[in-house]
Amino acid sequence: MSDVTQFDGAALVDELNSLLHLKTTPIGMKLFERVEDMEAIPKIRRPASIHTTDQIVAQASRLGWTVGITAADLVGPQCGAVIGLHPQNDEWLSGQRMAGVWFATQADAAPPTRPP
């Protein structure tokens, strides 16, 4: 069995681009249990202000940055929940925080089915 924690990221991106003709650089995400472990990554960049998840992804894919974030660096639970930094609990799944912002009603904002 191969060690999936060690791979040549640059070669993988080059191969994906040659096969799929991608317009944006593929990125990977890794969850760390400790902030200190994340901050030990060479050349990591930490946000100086609050961002949305898509802004962080854009910095990585379009600028080629290695960006490290915590839930505190994001706008709110809606940004953290989609990447595992906030629980997708009943309050989050209710859609209450997104009603009137991204969706007209709370019913529109709630997912069609809740995970088990």
Protein backbone atom coordinates (compact mmCIF):
# COMPACT_ATOMS: atom_id res chain seq x y z
CA MET A 1 0.00 0.00 0.00
CA SER A 2 1.33 3.47 -0.83
CA ASP A 3 1.60 6.31 1.67
CA VAL A 4 -1.11 8.78 0.61
CA THR A 5 0.33 11.52 2.82
CA GLN A 6 3.37 11.85 0.53
CA PHE A 7 2.89 12.83 -3.11
CA ASP A 8 4.31 15.16 -5.72
CA GLY A 9 1.66 17.91 -5.81
CA ALA A 10 3.23 19.79 -8.71
CA ALA A 11 3.37 16.66 -10.86
CA LEU A 12 -0.24 15.83 -9.97
CA VAL A 13 -1.44 19.32 -10.96
CA ASP A 14 0.54 19.18 -14.21
CA GLU A 15 -1.01 15.81 -15.07
CA LEU A 16 -4.54 17.01 -14.25
CA ASN A 17 -4.05 20.11 -16.39
CA SER A 18 -2.72 18.09 -19.34
CA LEU A 19 -5.60 15.62 -19.16
CA LEU A 20 -8.49 17.94 -18.31
CA HIS A 21 -7.38 21.33 -19.68
CA LEU A 22 -8.38 23.04 -16.42
CA LYS A 23 -8.65 26.82 -16.30
CA THR A 24 -7.93 27.04 -12.55
CA THR A 25 -5.20 25.35 -10.54
CA PRO A 26 -6.56 22.43 -8.47
CA ILE A 27 -6.08 22.82 -4.73
CA GLY A 28 -6.16 20.49 -1.76
CA MET A 29 -7.35 21.07 1.78
CA LYS A 30 -6.13 19.49 4.97
CA LEU A 31 -7.64 19.70 8.45
CA PHE A 32 -5.24 19.96 11.38
CA GLU A 33 -6.08 19.20 14.98
CA ARG A 34 -3.73 21.94 16.24
CA VAL A 35 -3.22 25.46 14.87
CA GLU A 36 0.50 25.14 15.62
CA ASP A 37 0.78 22.19 13.23
CA MET A 38 -0.94 24.17 10.47
CA GLU A 39 1.24 27.21 11.08
CA ALA A 40 4.38 25.04 10.80
CA ILE A 41 3.73 24.57 7.06
CA PRO A 42 6.46 26.40 5.07
CA LYS A 43 5.32 29.67 3.42
CA ILE A 44 1.82 29.46 4.91
CA ARG A 45 -0.20 32.66 4.77
CA ARG A 46 -2.71 33.58 7.46
CA PRO A 47 -5.56 36.05 6.83
CA ALA A 48 -5.23 39.50 8.36
CA SER A 49 -9.02 39.98 8.28
CA ILE A 50 -12.24 37.99 8.09
CA HIS A 51 -12.92 36.18 4.79
CA THR A 52 -15.47 33.91 3.17
CA THR A 53 -14.48 30.36 2.29
CA ASP A 54 -14.62 31.11 -1.43
CA GLN A 55 -12.15 33.99 -0.96
CA ILE A 56 -9.69 31.62 0.72
CA VAL A 57 -10.13 29.03 -2.04
CA ALA A 58 -9.59 31.74 -4.67
CA GLN A 59 -6.33 32.83 -3.00
CA ALA A 60 -5.08 29.26 -3.15
CA SER A 61 -6.24 28.43 -6.69
CA ARG A 62 -5.67 31.72 -8.48
CA LEU A 63 -2.67 33.10 -6.61
CA GLY A 64 -1.02 29.77 -5.76
CA TRP A 65 -0.84 30.61 -2.06
CA THR A 66 -0.78 28.12 0.79
CA VAL A 67 -3.41 29.61 3.09
CA GLY A 68 -4.11 28.49 6.65
CA ILE A 69 -7.38 29.38 8.36
CA THR A 70 -9.38 28.60 11.47
CA ALA A 71 -13.11 29.04 12.01
CA ALA A 72 -12.34 32.43 13.59
CA ASP A 73 -10.94 33.65 10.23
CA LEU A 74 -14.27 33.05 8.47
CA VAL A 75 -17.44 35.17 8.24
CA GLY A 76 -19.56 32.68 10.17
CA PRO A 77 -20.77 29.11 10.62
CA GLN A 78 -22.06 28.94 7.03
CA CYS A 79 -18.47 29.26 5.77
CA GLY A 80 -16.92 26.89 8.28
CA ALA A 81 -19.54 24.13 8.06
CA VAL A 82 -18.94 23.38 4.38
CA ILE A 83 -15.26 22.55 5.03
CA GLY A 84 -15.49 20.88 8.42
CA LEU A 85 -14.63 23.83 10.68
CA HIS A 86 -18.14 24.11 12.16
CA PRO A 87 -20.63 21.35 12.89
CA GLN A 88 -23.56 20.87 10.54
CA ASN A 89 -25.87 20.73 13.55
CA ASP A 90 -29.63 21.30 13.68
CA GLU A 91 -29.25 25.08 14.04
CA TRP A 92 -26.98 25.30 11.00
CA LEU A 93 -29.13 22.90 8.95
CA SER A 94 -32.28 24.89 9.76
CA GLY A 95 -31.26 27.60 7.27
CA GLN A 96 -32.19 30.35 9.74
CA ARG A 97 -28.91 32.29 9.32
CA MET A 98 -29.16 32.23 5.51
CA ALA A 99 -32.84 33.18 5.20
CA GLY A 100 -33.20 36.70 3.87
CA VAL A 101 -29.49 36.81 2.96
CA TRP A 102 -28.92 34.17 0.28
CA PHE A 103 -32.44 32.69 0.27
CA ALA A 104 -35.90 34.26 0.47
CA THR A 105 -37.19 32.03 3.26
CA GLN A 106 -35.86 29.69 5.91
CA ALA A 107 -37.50 26.76 4.13
CA ASP A 108 -35.63 27.67 0.93
CA ALA A 109 -32.35 27.88 2.87
CA ALA A 110 -32.63 24.49 4.61
CA PRO A 111 -31.13 21.51 2.77
CA PRO A 112 -33.67 19.17 1.15
CA THR A 113 -32.61 16.26 3.35
CA ARG A 114 -30.61 16.16 6.51
CA PRO A 115 -27.65 13.79 6.79
CA PRO A 116 -28.05 10.92 9.29
